[in-house]
PDB file of all heavy atoms in Angstrom:
ATOM      1  N   GLY A   1      18.211  25.013 -24.727  1.00  0.00           N
ATOM      2  CA  GLY A   1      17.850  26.007 -23.725  1.00  0.00           C
ATOM      3  C   GLY A   1      18.799  26.142 -22.558  1.00  0.00           C
ATOM      4  O   GLY A   1      18.518  26.878 -21.603  1.00  0.00           O
ATOM      5  N   ALA A   2      19.971  25.511 -22.578  1.00  0.00           N
ATOM      6  CA  ALA A   2      20.912  25.633 -21.508  1.00  0.00           C
ATOM      7  C   ALA A   2      21.704  26.923 -21.623  1.00  0.00           C
ATOM      8  O   ALA A   2      21.847  27.490 -22.717  1.00  0.00           O
ATOM      9  CB  ALA A   2      21.897  24.451 -21.507  1.00  0.00           C
ATOM     10  N   GLU A   3      22.197  27.405 -20.502  1.00  0.00           N
ATOM     11  CA  GLU A   3      23.123  28.551 -20.489  1.00  0.00           C
ATOM     12  C   GLU A   3      24.483  28.033 -20.857  1.00  0.00           C
ATOM     13  O   GLU A   3      24.984  27.101 -20.235  1.00  0.00           O
ATOM     14  CB  GLU A   3      23.143  29.229 -19.153  1.00  0.00           C
ATOM     15  CG  GLU A   3      24.023  30.457 -19.074  1.00  0.00           C
ATOM     16  CD  GLU A   3      24.024  31.121 -17.718  1.00  0.00           C
ATOM     17  OE1 GLU A   3      23.234  30.705 -16.860  1.00  0.00           O
ATOM     18  OE2 GLU A   3      24.829  32.030 -17.511  1.00  0.00           O
ATOM     19  N   LEU A   4      25.120  28.620 -21.832  1.00  0.00           N
ATOM     20  CA  LEU A   4      26.426  28.125 -22.337  1.00  0.00           C
ATOM     21  C   LEU A   4      27.509  29.072 -21.925  1.00  0.00           C
ATOM     22  O   LEU A   4      27.411  30.293 -22.095  1.00  0.00           O
ATOM     23  CB  LEU A   4      26.367  27.995 -23.852  1.00  0.00           C
ATOM     24  CG  LEU A   4      27.655  27.486 -24.486  1.00  0.00           C
ATOM     25  CD1 LEU A   4      27.807  25.998 -24.256  1.00  0.00           C
ATOM     26  CD2 LEU A   4      27.667  27.778 -25.993  1.00  0.00           C
ATOM     27  N   VAL A   5      28.633  28.506 -21.437  1.00  0.00           N
ATOM     28  CA  VAL A   5      29.824  29.287 -21.124  1.00  0.00           C
ATOM     29  C   VAL A   5      30.997  28.642 -21.857  1.00  0.00           C
ATOM     30  O   VAL A   5      31.316  27.467 -21.627  1.00  0.00           O
ATOM     31  CB  VAL A   5      30.113  29.281 -19.591  1.00  0.00           C
ATOM     32  CG1 VAL A   5      31.361  30.130 -19.308  1.00  0.00           C
ATOM     33  CG2 VAL A   5      28.905  29.837 -18.831  1.00  0.00           C
ATOM     34  N   VAL A   6      31.645  29.399 -22.724  1.00  0.00           N
ATOM     35  CA  VAL A   6      32.811  28.912 -23.461  1.00  0.00           C
ATOM     36  C   VAL A   6      34.045  29.441 -22.741  1.00  0.00           C
ATOM     37  O   VAL A   6      34.222  30.682 -22.590  1.00  0.00           O
ATOM     38  CB  VAL A   6      32.803  29.390 -24.923  1.00  0.00           C
ATOM     39  CG1 VAL A   6      34.051  28.864 -25.646  1.00  0.00           C
ATOM     40  CG2 VAL A   6      31.552  28.921 -25.628  1.00  0.00           C
ATOM     41  N   THR A   7      34.907  28.544 -22.274  1.00  0.00           N
ATOM     42  CA  THR A   7      36.042  28.948 -21.451  1.00  0.00           C
ATOM     43  C   THR A   7      37.187  27.961 -21.563  1.00  0.00           C
ATOM     44  O   THR A   7      36.988  26.755 -21.582  1.00  0.00           O
ATOM     45  CB  THR A   7      35.623  29.097 -19.984  1.00  0.00           C
ATOM     46  OG1 THR A   7      36.783  29.493 -19.189  1.00  0.00           O
ATOM     47  CG2 THR A   7      35.109  27.787 -19.419  1.00  0.00           C
ATOM     48  N   GLY A   8      38.419  28.477 -21.707  1.00  0.00           N
ATOM     49  CA  GLY A   8      39.590  27.621 -21.707  1.00  0.00           C
ATOM     50  C   GLY A   8      39.788  26.907 -23.061  1.00  0.00           C
ATOM     51  O   GLY A   8      38.906  26.859 -23.896  1.00  0.00           O
ATOM     52  N   GLU A   9      40.986  26.328 -23.195  1.00  0.00           N
ATOM     53  CA  GLU A   9      41.303  25.647 -24.446  1.00  0.00           C
ATOM     54  C   GLU A   9      40.909  24.202 -24.486  1.00  0.00           C
ATOM     55  O   GLU A   9      40.683  23.639 -25.558  1.00  0.00           O
ATOM     56  CB  GLU A   9      42.804  25.778 -24.687  1.00  0.00           C
ATOM     57  CG  GLU A   9      43.318  27.197 -24.907  1.00  0.00           C
ATOM     58  CD  GLU A   9      44.770  27.271 -25.216  1.00  0.00           C
ATOM     59  OE1 GLU A   9      45.451  26.188 -25.224  1.00  0.00           O
ATOM     60  OE2 GLU A   9      45.292  28.358 -25.494  1.00  0.00           O
ATOM     61  N   ARG A  10      40.866  23.527 -23.334  1.00  0.00           N
ATOM     62  CA  ARG A  10      40.622  22.123 -23.287  1.00  0.00           C
ATOM     63  C   ARG A  10      39.515  21.775 -22.285  1.00  0.00           C
ATOM     64  O   ARG A  10      39.122  22.630 -21.460  1.00  0.00           O
ATOM     65  CB  ARG A  10      41.897  21.336 -22.945  1.00  0.00           C
ATOM     66  CG  ARG A  10      43.010  21.473 -23.963  1.00  0.00           C
ATOM     67  CD  ARG A  10      42.610  20.861 -25.291  1.00  0.00           C
ATOM     68  NE  ARG A  10      43.638  20.994 -26.312  1.00  0.00           N
ATOM     69  CZ  ARG A  10      43.480  20.758 -27.610  1.00  0.00           C
ATOM     70  NH1 ARG A  10      42.278  20.364 -28.025  1.00  0.00           N
ATOM     71  NH2 ARG A  10      44.465  20.863 -28.464  1.00  0.00           N
ATOM     72  N   TYR A  11      39.074  20.520 -22.327  1.00  0.00           N
ATOM     73  CA  TYR A  11      38.031  20.059 -21.423  1.00  0.00           C
ATOM     74  C   TYR A  11      38.380  20.322 -19.956  1.00  0.00           C
ATOM     75  O   TYR A  11      37.537  20.735 -19.187  1.00  0.00           O
ATOM     76  CB  TYR A  11      37.770  18.569 -21.656  1.00  0.00           C
ATOM     77  CG  TYR A  11      36.948  17.957 -20.551  1.00  0.00           C
ATOM     78  CD1 TYR A  11      35.592  18.187 -20.483  1.00  0.00           C
ATOM     79  CD2 TYR A  11      37.549  17.180 -19.554  1.00  0.00           C
ATOM     80  CE1 TYR A  11      34.820  17.608 -19.457  1.00  0.00           C
ATOM     81  CE2 TYR A  11      36.788  16.638 -18.537  1.00  0.00           C
ATOM     82  CZ  TYR A  11      35.429  16.842 -18.495  1.00  0.00           C
ATOM     83  OH  TYR A  11      34.691  16.302 -17.472  1.00  0.00           O
ATOM     84  N   ALA A  12      39.649  20.081 -19.587  1.00  0.00           N
ATOM     85  CA  ALA A  12      40.032  20.238 -18.181  1.00  0.00           C
ATOM     86  C   ALA A  12      39.830  21.673 -17.709  1.00  0.00           C
ATOM     87  O   ALA A  12      39.481  21.894 -16.534  1.00  0.00           O
ATOM     88  CB  ALA A  12      41.505  19.818 -18.009  1.00  0.00           C
ATOM     89  N   ASP A  13      40.012  22.633 -18.590  1.00  0.00           N
ATOM     90  CA  ASP A  13      39.780  24.040 -18.232  1.00  0.00           C
ATOM     91  C   ASP A  13      38.278  24.310 -17.947  1.00  0.00           C
ATOM     92  O   ASP A  13      37.918  24.942 -16.991  1.00  0.00           O
ATOM     93  CB  ASP A  13      40.264  24.969 -19.349  1.00  0.00           C
ATOM     94  CG  ASP A  13      41.727  24.739 -19.686  1.00  0.00           C
ATOM     95  OD1 ASP A  13      42.530  24.565 -18.765  1.00  0.00           O
ATOM     96  OD2 ASP A  13      42.031  24.707 -20.902  1.00  0.00           O
ATOM     97  N   ALA A  14      37.456  23.770 -18.830  1.00  0.00           N
ATOM     98  CA  ALA A  14      36.007  23.922 -18.640  1.00  0.00           C
ATOM     99  C   ALA A  14      35.535  23.206 -17.373  1.00  0.00           C
ATOM    100  O   ALA A  14      34.681  23.691 -16.663  1.00  0.00           O
ATOM    101  CB  ALA A  14      35.262  23.394 -19.884  1.00  0.00           C
ATOM    102  N   LEU A  15      36.137  22.037 -17.115  1.00  0.00           N
ATOM    103  CA  LEU A  15      35.765  21.299 -15.889  1.00  0.00           C
ATOM    104  C   LEU A  15      36.080  22.099 -14.632  1.00  0.00           C
ATOM    105  O   LEU A  15      35.246  22.161 -13.708  1.00  0.00           O
ATOM    106  CB  LEU A  15      36.514  19.971 -15.855  1.00  0.00           C
ATOM    107  CG  LEU A  15      36.269  19.082 -14.639  1.00  0.00           C
ATOM    108  CD1 LEU A  15      34.806  18.718 -14.508  1.00  0.00           C
ATOM    109  CD2 LEU A  15      37.155  17.829 -14.696  1.00  0.00           C
ATOM    110  N   ALA A  16      37.240  22.741 -14.604  1.00  0.00           N
ATOM    111  CA  ALA A  16      37.604  23.535 -13.431  1.00  0.00           C
ATOM    112  C   ALA A  16      36.618  24.672 -13.204  1.00  0.00           C
ATOM    113  O   ALA A  16      36.204  24.922 -12.072  1.00  0.00           O
ATOM    114  CB  ALA A  16      39.015  24.081 -13.599  1.00  0.00           C
ATOM    115  N   GLU A  17      36.198  25.331 -14.282  1.00  0.00           N
ATOM    116  CA  GLU A  17      35.236  26.413 -14.151  1.00  0.00           C
ATOM    117  C   GLU A  17      33.879  25.866 -13.711  1.00  0.00           C
ATOM    118  O   GLU A  17      33.173  26.513 -12.893  1.00  0.00           O
ATOM    119  CB  GLU A  17      35.115  27.151 -15.482  1.00  0.00           C
ATOM    120  CG  GLU A  17      36.333  27.982 -15.850  1.00  0.00           C
ATOM    121  CD  GLU A  17      36.644  29.068 -14.813  1.00  0.00           C
ATOM    122  OE1 GLU A  17      35.674  29.709 -14.315  1.00  0.00           O
ATOM    123  OE2 GLU A  17      37.813  29.242 -14.499  1.00  0.00           O
ATOM    124  N   SER A  18      33.487  24.726 -14.194  1.00  0.00           N
ATOM    125  CA  SER A  18      32.197  24.156 -13.824  1.00  0.00           C
ATOM    126  C   SER A  18      32.183  23.771 -12.350  1.00  0.00           C
ATOM    127  O   SER A  18      31.167  23.935 -11.649  1.00  0.00           O
ATOM    128  CB  SER A  18      31.851  22.945 -14.700  1.00  0.00           C
ATOM    129  OG  SER A  18      32.617  21.809 -14.304  1.00  0.00           O
ATOM    130  N   GLU A  19      33.313  23.275 -11.833  1.00  0.00           N
ATOM    131  CA  GLU A  19      33.402  22.910 -10.450  1.00  0.00           C
ATOM    132  C   GLU A  19      33.310  24.146  -9.546  1.00  0.00           C
ATOM    133  O   GLU A  19      32.693  24.092  -8.469  1.00  0.00           O
ATOM    134  CB  GLU A  19      34.692  22.161 -10.184  1.00  0.00           C
ATOM    135  CG  GLU A  19      34.683  20.741 -10.805  1.00  0.00           C
ATOM    136  CD  GLU A  19      36.043  20.064 -10.733  1.00  0.00           C
ATOM    137  OE1 GLU A  19      37.048  20.784 -10.567  1.00  0.00           O
ATOM    138  OE2 GLU A  19      36.048  18.823 -10.879  1.00  0.00           O
ATOM    139  N   ARG A  20      33.887  25.254  -9.994  1.00  0.00           N
ATOM    140  CA  ARG A  20      33.771  26.494  -9.226  1.00  0.00           C
ATOM    141  C   ARG A  20      32.310  26.973  -9.199  1.00  0.00           C
ATOM    142  O   ARG A  20      31.829  27.418  -8.150  1.00  0.00           O
ATOM    143  CB  ARG A  20      34.689  27.579  -9.838  1.00  0.00           C
ATOM    144  CG  ARG A  20      36.159  27.468  -9.385  1.00  0.00           C
ATOM    145  CD  ARG A  20      36.947  28.695  -9.805  1.00  0.00           C
ATOM    146  NE  ARG A  20      37.361  28.607 -11.171  1.00  0.00           N
ATOM    147  CZ  ARG A  20      38.494  28.020 -11.591  1.00  0.00           C
ATOM    148  NH1 ARG A  20      39.309  27.454 -10.718  1.00  0.00           N
ATOM    149  NH2 ARG A  20      38.809  27.999 -12.894  1.00  0.00           N
ATOM    150  N   TRP A  21      31.635  26.855 -10.342  1.00  0.00           N
ATOM    151  CA  TRP A  21      30.258  27.270 -10.356  1.00  0.00           C
ATOM    152  C   TRP A  21      29.397  26.359  -9.491  1.00  0.00           C
ATOM    153  O   TRP A  21      28.486  26.854  -8.792  1.00  0.00           O
ATOM    154  CB  TRP A  21      29.726  27.247 -11.810  1.00  0.00           C
ATOM    155  CG  TRP A  21      28.250  27.460 -11.880  1.00  0.00           C
ATOM    156  CD1 TRP A  21      27.298  26.555 -12.199  1.00  0.00           C
ATOM    157  CD2 TRP A  21      27.550  28.692 -11.599  1.00  0.00           C
ATOM    158  NE1 TRP A  21      26.027  27.092 -12.130  1.00  0.00           N
ATOM    159  CE2 TRP A  21      26.161  28.402 -11.762  1.00  0.00           C
ATOM    160  CE3 TRP A  21      27.953  29.973 -11.217  1.00  0.00           C
ATOM    161  CZ2 TRP A  21      25.190  29.361 -11.589  1.00  0.00           C
ATOM    162  CZ3 TRP A  21      26.966  30.918 -11.020  1.00  0.00           C
ATOM    163  CH2 TRP A  21      25.600  30.630 -11.209  1.00  0.00           C
ATOM    164  N   ALA A  22      29.632  25.090  -9.493  1.00  0.00           N
ATOM    165  CA  ALA A  22      28.865  24.152  -8.661  1.00  0.00           C
ATOM    166  C   ALA A  22      29.034  24.520  -7.185  1.00  0.00           C
ATOM    167  O   ALA A  22      28.057  24.552  -6.404  1.00  0.00           O
ATOM    168  CB  ALA A  22      29.292  22.728  -8.908  1.00  0.00           C
ATOM    169  N   ALA A  23      30.275  24.818  -6.770  1.00  0.00           N
ATOM    170  CA  ALA A  23      30.534  25.160  -5.366  1.00  0.00           C
ATOM    171  C   ALA A  23      29.851  26.480  -4.994  1.00  0.00           C
ATOM    172  O   ALA A  23      29.343  26.644  -3.890  1.00  0.00           O
ATOM    173  CB  ALA A  23      32.033  25.259  -5.132  1.00  0.00           C
ATOM    174  N   GLN A  24      29.833  27.417  -5.930  1.00  0.00           N
ATOM    175  CA  GLN A  24      29.239  28.736  -5.687  1.00  0.00           C
ATOM    176  C   GLN A  24      27.707  28.707  -5.667  1.00  0.00           C
ATOM    177  O   GLN A  24      27.074  29.337  -4.824  1.00  0.00           O
ATOM    178  CB  GLN A  24      29.735  29.713  -6.767  1.00  0.00           C
ATOM    179  CG  GLN A  24      29.060  31.072  -6.722  1.00  0.00           C
ATOM    180  CD  GLN A  24      29.468  31.929  -7.922  1.00  0.00           C
ATOM    181  OE1 GLN A  24      30.521  31.727  -8.530  1.00  0.00           O
ATOM    182  NE2 GLN A  24      28.632  32.894  -8.277  1.00  0.00           N
ATOM    183  N   SER A  25      27.140  27.944  -6.570  1.00  0.00           N
ATOM    184  CA  SER A  25      25.692  27.988  -6.791  1.00  0.00           C
ATOM    185  C   SER A  25      24.907  26.882  -6.086  1.00  0.00           C
ATOM    186  O   SER A  25      23.718  27.018  -5.846  1.00  0.00           O
ATOM    187  CB  SER A  25      25.380  27.917  -8.281  1.00  0.00           C
ATOM    188  OG  SER A  25      25.747  26.637  -8.791  1.00  0.00           O
ATOM    189  N   GLY A  26      25.601  25.782  -5.796  1.00  0.00           N
ATOM    190  CA  GLY A  26      24.891  24.610  -5.278  1.00  0.00           C
ATOM    191  C   GLY A  26      24.262  23.737  -6.322  1.00  0.00           C
ATOM    192  O   GLY A  26      23.509  22.793  -5.991  1.00  0.00           O
ATOM    193  N   ALA A  27      24.542  23.997  -7.597  1.00  0.00           N
ATOM    194  CA  ALA A  27      23.988  23.188  -8.687  1.00  0.00           C
ATOM    195  C   ALA A  27      24.540  21.770  -8.606  1.00  0.00           C
ATOM    196  O   ALA A  27      25.632  21.521  -8.121  1.00  0.00           O
ATOM    197  CB  ALA A  27      24.365  23.826 -10.021  1.00  0.00           C
ATOM    198  N   LEU A  28      23.760  20.811  -9.115  1.00  0.00           N
ATOM    199  CA  LEU A  28      24.168  19.399  -9.186  1.00  0.00           C
ATOM    200  C   LEU A  28      25.162  19.232 -10.338  1.00  0.00           C
ATOM    201  O   LEU A  28      24.812  19.500 -11.505  1.00  0.00           O
ATOM    202  CB  LEU A  28      22.964  18.500  -9.390  1.00  0.00           C
ATOM    203  CG  LEU A  28      23.271  17.016  -9.621  1.00  0.00           C
ATOM    204  CD1 LEU A  28      23.812  16.392  -8.359  1.00  0.00           C
ATOM    205  CD2 LEU A  28      22.028  16.300 -10.129  1.00  0.00           C
ATOM    206  N   ALA A  29      26.361  18.798 -10.015  1.00  0.00           N
ATOM    207  CA  ALA A  29      27.356  18.566 -11.065  1.00  0.00           C
ATOM    208  C   ALA A  29      27.126  17.205 -11.673  1.00  0.00           C
ATOM    209  O   ALA A  29      26.968  16.186 -10.981  1.00  0.00           O
ATOM    210  CB  ALA A  29      28.774  18.617 -10.446  1.00  0.00           C
ATOM    211  N   VAL A  30      27.093  17.182 -13.007  1.00  0.00           N
ATOM    212  CA  VAL A  30      26.918  15.925 -13.753  1.00  0.00           C
ATOM    213  C   VAL A  30      28.189  15.705 -14.558  1.00  0.00           C
ATOM    214  O   VAL A  30      28.429  16.331 -15.589  1.00  0.00           O
ATOM    215  CB  VAL A  30      25.702  16.003 -14.705  1.00  0.00           C
ATOM    216  CG1 VAL A  30      25.510  14.695 -15.441  1.00  0.00           C
ATOM    217  CG2 VAL A  30      24.439  16.345 -13.914  1.00  0.00           C
ATOM    218  N   HIS A  31      29.051  14.811 -14.034  1.00  0.00           N
ATOM    219  CA  HIS A  31      30.354  14.595 -14.672  1.00  0.00           C
ATOM    220  C   HIS A  31      30.235  13.795 -15.952  1.00  0.00           C
ATOM    221  O   HIS A  31      29.410  12.881 -16.075  1.00  0.00           O
ATOM    222  CB  HIS A  31      31.304  13.879 -13.675  1.00  0.00           C
ATOM    223  CG  HIS A  31      32.738  14.047 -14.012  1.00  0.00           C
ATOM    224  ND1 HIS A  31      33.356  13.348 -15.041  1.00  0.00           N
ATOM    225  CD2 HIS A  31      33.699  14.838 -13.475  1.00  0.00           C
ATOM    226  CE1 HIS A  31      34.637  13.681 -15.098  1.00  0.00           C
ATOM    227  NE2 HIS A  31      34.886  14.582 -14.181  1.00  0.00           N
ATOM    228  N   ALA A  32      31.075  14.124 -16.893  1.00  0.00           N
ATOM    229  CA  ALA A  32      31.029  13.474 -18.200  1.00  0.00           C
ATOM    230  C   ALA A  32      31.363  11.990 -18.155  1.00  0.00           C
ATOM    231  O   ALA A  32      30.885  11.198 -18.978  1.00  0.00           O
ATOM    232  CB  ALA A  32      31.931  14.198 -19.200  1.00  0.00           C
ATOM    233  N   TYR A  33      32.231  11.584 -17.229  1.00  0.00           N
ATOM    234  CA  TYR A  33      32.640  10.185 -17.229  1.00  0.00           C
ATOM    235  C   TYR A  33      33.068   9.633 -15.841  1.00  0.00           C
ATOM    236  O   TYR A  33      33.144   8.435 -15.665  1.00  0.00           O
ATOM    237  CB  TYR A  33      33.813   9.958 -18.198  1.00  0.00           C
ATOM    238  CG  TYR A  33      34.995  10.896 -17.982  1.00  0.00           C
ATOM    239  CD1 TYR A  33      35.978  10.599 -17.067  1.00  0.00           C
ATOM    240  CD2 TYR A  33      35.098  12.069 -18.742  1.00  0.00           C
ATOM    241  CE1 TYR A  33      37.075  11.473 -16.885  1.00  0.00           C
ATOM    242  CE2 TYR A  33      36.160  12.945 -18.554  1.00  0.00           C
ATOM    243  CZ  TYR A  33      37.138  12.648 -17.639  1.00  0.00           C
ATOM    244  OH  TYR A  33      38.193  13.504 -17.444  1.00  0.00           O
ATOM    245  N   ASP A  34      33.273  10.465 -14.850  1.00  0.00           N
ATOM    246  CA  ASP A  34      33.814  10.011 -13.604  1.00  0.00           C
ATOM    247  C   ASP A  34      32.827  10.072 -12.429  1.00  0.00           C
ATOM    248  O   ASP A  34      33.204  10.382 -11.314  1.00  0.00           O
ATOM    249  CB  ASP A  34      35.096  10.794 -13.257  1.00  0.00           C
ATOM    250  CG  ASP A  34      36.056   9.979 -12.416  1.00  0.00           C
ATOM    251  OD1 ASP A  34      35.977   8.743 -12.421  1.00  0.00           O
ATOM    252  OD2 ASP A  34      36.959  10.568 -11.762  1.00  0.00           O
ATOM    253  N   HIS A  35      31.589   9.770 -12.719  1.00  0.00           N
ATOM    254  CA  HIS A  35      30.551   9.556 -11.693  1.00  0.00           C
ATOM    255  C   HIS A  35      30.027   8.119 -11.848  1.00  0.00           C
ATOM    256  O   HIS A  35      29.919   7.594 -12.944  1.00  0.00           O
ATOM    257  CB  HIS A  35      29.391  10.510 -11.862  1.00  0.00           C
ATOM    258  CG  HIS A  35      29.606  11.854 -11.229  1.00  0.00           C
ATOM    259  ND1 HIS A  35      28.702  12.891 -11.349  1.00  0.00           N
ATOM    260  CD2 HIS A  35      30.624  12.317 -10.437  1.00  0.00           C
ATOM    261  CE1 HIS A  35      29.182  13.960 -10.692  1.00  0.00           C
ATOM    262  NE2 HIS A  35      30.322  13.617 -10.136  1.00  0.00           N
ATOM    263  N   GLU A  36      29.671   7.518 -10.738  1.00  0.00           N
ATOM    264  CA  GLU A  36      29.144   6.143 -10.779  1.00  0.00           C
ATOM    265  C   GLU A  36      27.926   6.065 -11.663  1.00  0.00           C
ATOM    266  O   GLU A  36      27.782   5.149 -12.478  1.00  0.00           O
ATOM    267  CB  GLU A  36      28.814   5.671  -9.382  1.00  0.00           C
ATOM    268  CG  GLU A  36      28.344   4.252  -9.279  1.00  0.00           C
ATOM    269  CD  GLU A  36      28.181   3.795  -7.845  1.00  0.00           C
ATOM    270  OE1 GLU A  36      29.169   3.727  -7.137  1.00  0.00           O
ATOM    271  OE2 GLU A  36      27.018   3.506  -7.475  1.00  0.00           O
ATOM    272  N   GLU A  37      27.011   7.039 -11.526  1.00  0.00           N
ATOM    273  CA  GLU A  37      25.794   7.037 -12.322  1.00  0.00           C
ATOM    274  C   GLU A  37      26.101   7.166 -13.835  1.00  0.00           C
ATOM    275  O   GLU A  37      25.380   6.545 -14.641  1.00  0.00           O
ATOM    276  CB  GLU A  37      24.841   8.156 -11.889  1.00  0.00           C
ATOM    277  CG  GLU A  37      24.230   7.962 -10.518  1.00  0.00           C
ATOM    278  CD  GLU A  37      25.126   8.435  -9.396  1.00  0.00           C
ATOM    279  OE1 GLU A  37      26.230   8.989  -9.672  1.00  0.00           O
ATOM    280  OE2 GLU A  37      24.722   8.295  -8.210  1.00  0.00           O
ATOM    281  N   THR A  38      27.100   7.918 -14.158  1.00  0.00           N
ATOM    282  CA  THR A  38      27.497   8.056 -15.563  1.00  0.00           C
ATOM    283  C   THR A  38      27.923   6.708 -16.117  1.00  0.00           C
ATOM    284  O   THR A  38      27.489   6.259 -17.188  1.00  0.00           O
ATOM    285  CB  THR A  38      28.629   9.086 -15.722  1.00  0.00           C
ATOM    286  OG1 THR A  38      28.211  10.320 -15.157  1.00  0.00           O
ATOM    287  CG2 THR A  38      28.967   9.274 -17.182  1.00  0.00           C
ATOM    288  N   LEU A  39      28.770   5.984 -15.400  1.00  0.00           N
ATOM    289  CA  LEU A  39      29.231   4.700 -15.802  1.00  0.00           C
ATOM    290  C   LEU A  39      28.078   3.695 -15.935  1.00  0.00           C
ATOM    291  O   LEU A  39      27.993   2.923 -16.891  1.00  0.00           O
ATOM    292  CB  LEU A  39      30.253   4.159 -14.834  1.00  0.00           C
ATOM    293  CG  LEU A  39      31.638   4.790 -14.900  1.00  0.00           C
ATOM    294  CD1 LEU A  39      32.402   4.605 -13.604  1.00  0.00           C
ATOM    295  CD2 LEU A  39      32.464   4.173 -16.058  1.00  0.00           C
ATOM    296  N   LEU A  40      27.139   3.751 -14.992  1.00  0.00           N
ATOM    297  CA  LEU A  40      26.008   2.832 -15.020  1.00  0.00           C
ATOM    298  C   LEU A  40      25.116   3.130 -16.235  1.00  0.00           C
ATOM    299  O   LEU A  40      24.666   2.180 -16.911  1.00  0.00           O
ATOM    300  CB  LEU A  40      25.201   2.967 -13.746  1.00  0.00           C
ATOM    301  CG  LEU A  40      25.890   2.485 -12.455  1.00  0.00           C
ATOM    302  CD1 LEU A  40      25.047   2.841 -11.233  1.00  0.00           C
ATOM    303  CD2 LEU A  40      26.119   0.974 -12.484  1.00  0.00           C
ATOM    304  N   GLY A  41      24.891   4.402 -16.510  1.00  0.00           N
ATOM    305  CA  GLY A  41      24.085   4.749 -17.673  1.00  0.00           C
ATOM    306  C   GLY A  41      24.752   4.288 -18.967  1.00  0.00           C
ATOM    307  O   GLY A  41      24.101   3.694 -19.858  1.00  0.00           O
ATOM    308  N   GLN A  42      26.034   4.576 -19.110  1.00  0.00           N
ATOM    309  CA  GLN A  42      26.747   4.193 -20.351  1.00  0.00           C
ATOM    310  C   GLN A  42      26.843   2.680 -20.481  1.00  0.00           C
ATOM    311  O   GLN A  42      26.859   2.157 -21.596  1.00  0.00           O
ATOM    312  CB  GLN A  42      28.143   4.824 -20.426  1.00  0.00           C
ATOM    313  CG  GLN A  42      28.317   6.235 -19.973  1.00  0.00           C
ATOM    314  CD  GLN A  42      27.371   7.294 -20.530  1.00  0.00           C
ATOM    315  OE1 GLN A  42      26.249   7.004 -20.896  1.00  0.00           O
ATOM    316  NE2 GLN A  42      27.815   8.557 -20.541  1.00  0.00           N
TER     317      GLN A  42
END
């Protein structure tokens, strides 16, 4: 049920777009690997 956006050739391209959306919308960014909570969960 998530809204999907396909953009760019690599993960870094998608990350840049997601960061722009987070800044614009105020959504909570959930990083794939570089957040403390992510490391703790894994």
